[in-house]
Structures are given as C-alpha cells and as structure tokens.
C-alpha cells in the first residue's frame, strides 16, 4: 500500500470522529443560554473538534493534490479530485481554522484589542484570501462556477475580520458579534464540507450540486443575521437610554 494512503486514512479517521462530534455539539452553544457554563463548555468542545478536523483536512488536501487517485481509489478523474479534495478542501480547511481562531480570540482579547493586530491573526486572514482566490482560479480553469462562488464567502469573511481588527475601538458588543459570527461561520463550513465531500464519496455526480452547497450556508447566514439584528436592537436601546439620561441631565 502506498504510504500516502496510510497517512491519508489516519487523517481521515481523526477528521471524521472530530468532525462528527463538532457537527452535533455545534447546536448546543447556539441554542443554549449565552454566557452560561454549559455554553462555554460545549463551545470549547466544538471549537477544539473543528480545529482538529480542519487541520486534518489540510493534511488530506495536500495528499490529494500529490496523489489524487491513490487517495481516492473510487474516483477516476484526477483533475476533479485535485480541484475538489485538493484546492477547495484546503481553502475550506484554512477558512474553518481561521474562523474558529477569530471567534475564540474575539472574546478572549476583548480587553486587549491591540493583541488582535499581532502577526499571526493578520497572516491567518490573509491566508484565507489567498486560498479563496486560488480556489476561484482553479474552479475557473476546470469550469466549475461553484468553486468560484464559494470563494467569495472566504474573501468576505477575511475582509470583515480584518476590518474588525483594524477598527481602533470597536463597540463593546462587537466582540460578541464577532465571536458568534465566526463560530457559526465555522459551523457553516463544517456542514458544507460534510454534505459536499461526504456526498461525493457516495455519489460523485453530486460533487457540485448547488443544493448541497446552498443549504448549510442559507441556514447559517439566517442564524447570524438574526443574532446580529438582536445585537443592533440592544445597541439602539442603549443609545436611547443614554439620550434620555442626557436630556434629563440638561433639564435639571
């Protein structure tokens, strides 16, 4: 047996176990009471599992690029394997790891915003942009618009994260918004990978089925938008209270 297959299978085994736990535990902090011990505990479990799955996915993607048909013996199209399990998996893995990192650090470093500007967080977001653009180019070369479309998500994610990093003094609630947005985004990425990469192993013709790609993204974005709206409502209420207090002070 080729050594690449043994290494790939080892990565795959850890990836599947960690990813499966992450898929389940994703919902516990999402629907649970925010800030509770249960929320924090299950959030840490989710983050560690998804970080592990993402790092294993990076390893599998590099092996798929080097030995496409050896690592995917049921498939016969080397170019498709390299595009889907190589470049796109590498991009999604980097995106997922960056989202988990950003989401955790958003709350850990809320008292030290300057720490977000260290070299590693900035380099991580830049890596997402490079990987996304590469995925789009590879998709263009093989005529797969979905690879180009999904790259937009990574660029948008990295740019908004960098915007937050560059903001001199973010609103206090913005740290929680970034935390939630990034970790839900990681959940979207994991469910997308589960449907897309899992489906292609069982049914290769479903590799670029738009429904498989759109469903997790639609649900995840709906969750993010809902919680963003709630945060904006809190912000407006706080602004109204400050205006009322100031008006009362001027009246006296």
Protein backbone atom coordinates (compact mmCIF):
# COMPACT_ATOMS: atom_id res chain seq x y z
CA UNK A 1 0.00 0.00 0.00
CA UNK A 2 1.24 3.47 -0.89
CA UNK A 3 2.46 5.43 2.19
CA UNK A 4 0.27 8.38 1.17
CA UNK A 5 -2.82 6.19 1.55
CA UNK A 6 -1.89 5.17 5.10
CA UNK A 7 -1.30 8.78 6.13
CA UNK A 8 -4.48 9.90 4.37
CA UNK A 9 -6.55 7.23 6.13
CA UNK A 10 -5.13 8.24 9.51
CA UNK A 11 -6.02 11.89 8.87
CA UNK A 12 -9.46 10.81 7.63
CA UNK A 13 -10.22 8.73 10.74
CA UNK A 14 -9.41 11.60 13.11
CA UNK A 15 -11.18 14.07 10.82
CA UNK A 16 -14.40 12.02 10.77
CA UNK A 17 -14.52 11.49 14.54
CA UNK A 18 -13.70 15.11 15.39
CA UNK A 19 -15.99 16.45 12.68
CA UNK A 20 -18.92 14.26 13.77
CA UNK A 21 -18.63 15.49 17.36
CA UNK A 22 -18.36 19.04 16.08
CA UNK A 23 -21.48 18.67 13.91
CA UNK A 24 -23.52 17.64 16.95
CA UNK A 25 -22.06 19.99 19.56
CA UNK A 26 -22.36 22.99 17.20
CA UNK A 27 -26.03 23.37 18.13
CA UNK A 28 -25.62 23.23 21.91
CA UNK A 29 -23.99 26.67 22.36
CA UNK A 30 -26.10 28.11 19.51
CA UNK A 31 -29.46 27.32 21.14
CA UNK A 32 -28.29 27.39 24.76
CA UNK A 33 -28.20 30.37 27.11
CA UNK A 34 -25.37 32.63 26.08
CA UNK A 35 -22.64 33.10 28.66
CA UNK A 36 -23.67 30.10 30.76
CA UNK A 37 -21.17 27.47 31.84
CA UNK A 38 -22.86 24.98 29.52
CA UNK A 39 -22.49 27.40 26.60
CA UNK A 40 -18.79 27.85 27.33
CA UNK A 41 -18.12 24.15 27.90
CA UNK A 42 -19.81 22.92 24.73
CA UNK A 43 -18.40 25.85 22.80
CA UNK A 44 -14.88 24.75 23.74
CA UNK A 45 -15.66 21.16 22.73
CA UNK A 46 -16.99 22.34 19.37
CA UNK A 47 -14.02 24.64 18.76
CA UNK A 48 -11.40 22.00 19.60
CA UNK A 49 -13.10 19.35 17.48
CA UNK A 50 -13.48 21.64 14.49
CA UNK A 51 -9.92 22.90 14.79
CA UNK A 52 -8.72 19.29 14.81
CA UNK A 53 -10.93 18.38 11.84
CA UNK A 54 -9.69 21.44 9.94
CA UNK A 55 -6.03 20.64 10.50
CA UNK A 56 -6.62 17.03 9.37
CA UNK A 57 -8.43 18.36 6.29
CA UNK A 58 -5.35 20.41 5.41
CA UNK A 59 -3.26 17.26 5.53
CA UNK A 60 -5.76 15.31 3.42
CA UNK A 61 -5.96 18.10 0.86
CA UNK A 62 -2.19 18.18 0.38
CA UNK A 63 -2.10 14.40 -0.04
CA UNK A 64 -4.99 14.63 -2.52
CA UNK A 65 -3.01 17.13 -4.56
CA UNK A 66 0.06 14.91 -4.65
CA UNK A 67 -1.61 11.52 -5.06
CA UNK A 68 -5.18 12.13 -6.25
CA UNK A 69 -6.17 8.68 -7.48
CA UNK A 70 -4.19 6.79 -4.85
CA UNK A 71 -6.01 8.58 -2.02
CA UNK A 72 -9.40 8.40 -3.79
CA UNK A 73 -9.43 4.99 -5.50
CA UNK A 74 -13.16 5.06 -6.28
CA UNK A 75 -12.71 8.13 -8.47
CA UNK A 76 -11.16 8.17 -11.95
CA UNK A 77 -10.90 11.89 -12.68
CA UNK A 78 -7.60 13.12 -11.21
CA UNK A 79 -8.32 16.74 -12.12
CA UNK A 80 -11.67 16.65 -10.29
CA UNK A 81 -10.06 15.09 -7.22
CA UNK A 82 -7.33 17.72 -7.13
CA UNK A 83 -9.86 20.51 -7.57
CA UNK A 84 -12.45 19.26 -5.07
CA UNK A 85 -10.43 17.33 -2.47
CA UNK A 86 -7.25 19.29 -3.03
CA UNK A 87 -7.60 23.02 -3.64
CA UNK A 88 -11.16 23.51 -2.42
CA UNK A 89 -10.72 21.35 0.69
CA UNK A 90 -7.51 23.21 1.50
CA UNK A 91 -9.32 26.54 1.17
CA UNK A 92 -12.26 25.44 3.33
CA UNK A 93 -9.90 23.99 5.94
CA UNK A 94 -7.94 27.24 6.21
CA UNK A 95 -11.20 29.21 6.33
CA UNK A 96 -12.60 26.98 9.08
CA UNK A 97 -9.47 27.17 11.23
CA UNK A 98 -9.34 30.96 10.81
CA UNK A 99 -13.00 31.31 11.83
CA UNK A 100 -12.56 29.20 14.97
CA UNK A 101 -9.42 31.13 15.93
CA UNK A 102 -11.06 34.51 15.30
CA UNK A 103 -14.23 33.53 17.14
CA UNK A 104 -12.37 32.40 20.26
CA UNK A 105 -9.98 35.33 20.32
CA UNK A 106 -12.81 37.83 19.84
CA UNK A 107 -13.98 37.21 23.40
CA UNK A 108 -10.63 36.25 24.93
CA UNK A 109 -9.00 39.53 23.84
CA UNK A 110 -11.90 41.96 24.27
CA UNK A 111 -9.89 43.76 26.97
CA UNK A 112 -6.80 43.95 24.74
CA UNK A 113 -7.91 44.81 21.21
CA UNK A 114 -4.36 45.60 20.16
CA UNK A 115 -3.50 41.90 20.52
CA UNK A 116 -5.71 41.16 17.51
CA UNK A 117 -3.16 43.02 15.37
CA UNK A 118 -0.27 40.67 16.03
CA UNK A 119 1.28 38.95 13.04
CA UNK A 120 -0.47 35.57 13.34
CA UNK A 121 -4.14 36.72 13.29
CA UNK A 122 -3.43 39.05 10.35
CA UNK A 123 -1.46 36.37 8.48
CA UNK A 124 -4.26 33.86 9.07
CA UNK A 125 -6.85 36.15 7.48
CA UNK A 126 -4.51 36.93 4.58
CA UNK A 127 -4.06 33.18 4.04
CA UNK A 128 -7.83 32.80 3.72
CA UNK A 129 -7.91 35.42 0.97
CA UNK A 130 -5.04 33.76 -0.92
CA UNK A 131 -6.62 30.29 -0.59
CA UNK A 132 -10.02 31.62 -1.68
CA UNK A 133 -8.61 33.33 -4.76
CA UNK A 134 -6.68 30.20 -5.65
CA UNK A 135 -9.87 28.13 -5.29
CA UNK A 136 -11.71 30.54 -7.60
CA UNK A 137 -8.94 30.38 -10.20
CA UNK A 138 -8.84 26.58 -10.08
CA UNK A 139 -12.61 26.49 -10.44
CA UNK A 140 -12.43 28.77 -13.45
CA UNK A 141 -9.80 26.56 -15.08
CA UNK A 142 -11.96 23.43 -14.84
CA UNK A 143 -15.25 25.22 -15.49
CA UNK A 144 -16.81 24.84 -12.03
CA UNK A 145 -18.64 28.06 -11.03
CA UNK A 146 -19.40 26.73 -7.53
CA UNK A 147 -15.70 26.81 -6.69
CA UNK A 148 -15.65 30.43 -7.76
CA UNK A 149 -18.84 31.23 -5.86
CA UNK A 150 -17.79 29.67 -2.58
CA UNK A 151 -14.51 31.58 -2.72
CA UNK A 152 -16.49 34.81 -2.31
CA UNK A 153 -17.52 33.69 1.20
CA UNK A 154 -13.90 33.32 2.29
CA UNK A 155 -12.86 36.69 0.91
CA UNK A 156 -15.85 38.38 2.58
CA UNK A 157 -15.10 36.63 5.88
CA UNK A 158 -11.43 37.59 5.91
CA UNK A 159 -12.09 41.20 4.86
CA UNK A 160 -14.71 41.73 7.58
CA UNK A 161 -12.42 40.11 10.16
CA UNK A 162 -9.56 42.36 9.10
CA UNK A 163 -11.91 45.36 9.28
CA UNK A 164 -12.70 44.45 12.88
CA UNK A 165 -9.02 44.02 13.64
CA UNK A 166 -8.21 47.42 12.12
CA UNK A 167 -11.02 49.22 13.98
CA UNK A 168 -9.37 51.35 16.71
CA UNK A 169 -12.08 50.92 19.38
CA UNK A 170 -14.92 48.52 18.49
CA UNK A 171 -18.29 48.79 20.20
CA UNK A 172 -18.35 46.55 23.28
CA UNK A 173 -21.00 44.24 21.81
CA UNK A 174 -18.99 43.93 18.60
CA UNK A 175 -16.70 41.41 20.28
CA UNK A 176 -19.68 39.14 20.95
CA UNK A 177 -20.96 39.66 17.41
CA UNK A 178 -17.56 38.66 16.01
CA UNK A 179 -17.46 35.67 18.33
CA UNK A 180 -20.86 34.42 17.26
CA UNK A 181 -20.42 35.27 13.57
CA UNK A 182 -17.10 33.46 13.31
CA UNK A 183 -18.08 30.29 15.15
CA UNK A 184 -21.40 29.97 13.34
CA UNK A 185 -19.41 30.55 10.15
CA UNK A 186 -17.17 27.65 11.15
CA UNK A 187 -20.29 25.55 11.62
CA UNK A 188 -21.47 26.51 8.12
CA UNK A 189 -18.10 25.47 6.73
CA UNK A 190 -18.20 22.12 8.50
CA UNK A 191 -21.74 21.29 7.41
CA UNK A 192 -20.90 22.35 3.86
CA UNK A 193 -17.91 20.03 3.86
CA UNK A 194 -20.00 17.23 5.37
CA UNK A 195 -22.67 17.46 2.67
CA UNK A 196 -20.34 18.14 -0.25
CA UNK A 197 -17.34 15.90 0.42
CA UNK A 198 -19.42 13.19 2.05
CA UNK A 199 -21.90 13.13 -0.84
CA UNK A 200 -19.21 12.94 -3.50
CA UNK A 201 -17.79 9.78 -1.93
CA UNK A 202 -21.19 8.10 -2.17
CA UNK A 203 -22.33 9.77 -5.38
CA UNK A 204 -19.55 11.55 -7.36
CA UNK A 205 -22.03 13.28 -9.68
CA UNK A 206 -23.30 15.25 -6.67
CA UNK A 207 -19.91 16.90 -6.13
CA UNK A 208 -21.10 20.26 -7.42
CA UNK A 209 -24.82 20.04 -6.62
CA UNK A 210 -25.85 23.64 -5.76
CA UNK A 211 -28.41 22.43 -3.20
CA UNK A 212 -25.75 20.66 -1.14
CA UNK A 213 -23.68 23.82 -1.03
CA UNK A 214 -26.51 26.31 -0.52
CA UNK A 215 -28.41 24.63 2.34
CA UNK A 216 -25.83 24.99 5.18
CA UNK A 217 -24.91 28.50 4.04
CA UNK A 218 -28.54 29.64 3.97
CA UNK A 219 -29.33 28.26 7.42
CA UNK A 220 -26.09 29.56 8.94
CA UNK A 221 -26.44 33.05 7.48
CA UNK A 222 -30.02 33.21 8.76
CA UNK A 223 -28.76 32.45 12.29
CA UNK A 224 -26.02 35.08 12.01
CA UNK A 225 -28.40 37.75 10.67
CA UNK A 226 -30.94 37.02 13.43
CA UNK A 227 -28.39 37.44 16.21
CA UNK A 228 -26.85 40.50 14.51
CA UNK A 229 -30.33 42.07 14.42
CA UNK A 230 -30.80 41.33 18.12
CA UNK A 231 -27.41 42.93 18.91
CA UNK A 232 -28.32 46.02 16.89
CA UNK A 233 -31.60 46.24 18.80
CA UNK A 234 -29.67 46.22 22.09
CA UNK A 235 -27.35 48.91 20.70
CA UNK A 236 -30.32 51.13 19.77
CA UNK A 237 -31.87 50.63 23.22
CA UNK A 238 -28.60 51.59 24.90
CA UNK A 239 -28.32 54.69 22.70
CA UNK A 240 -31.90 55.68 23.59
CA UNK A 241 -31.20 55.32 27.31
CA UNK A 242 -28.09 57.48 27.00
CA UNK A 243 -30.04 60.15 25.12
CA UNK A 244 -32.83 60.09 27.72
CA UNK A 245 -30.30 60.34 30.55
CA UNK A 246 -28.50 63.26 28.88
CA UNK A 247 -31.80 65.01 28.19
CA UNK A 248 -32.84 64.58 31.83
CA UNK A 249 -29.47 65.94 33.00
CA UNK A 250 -29.82 69.02 30.78
CA UNK A 251 -33.37 69.53 32.04
CA UNK A 252 -32.15 69.78 35.59
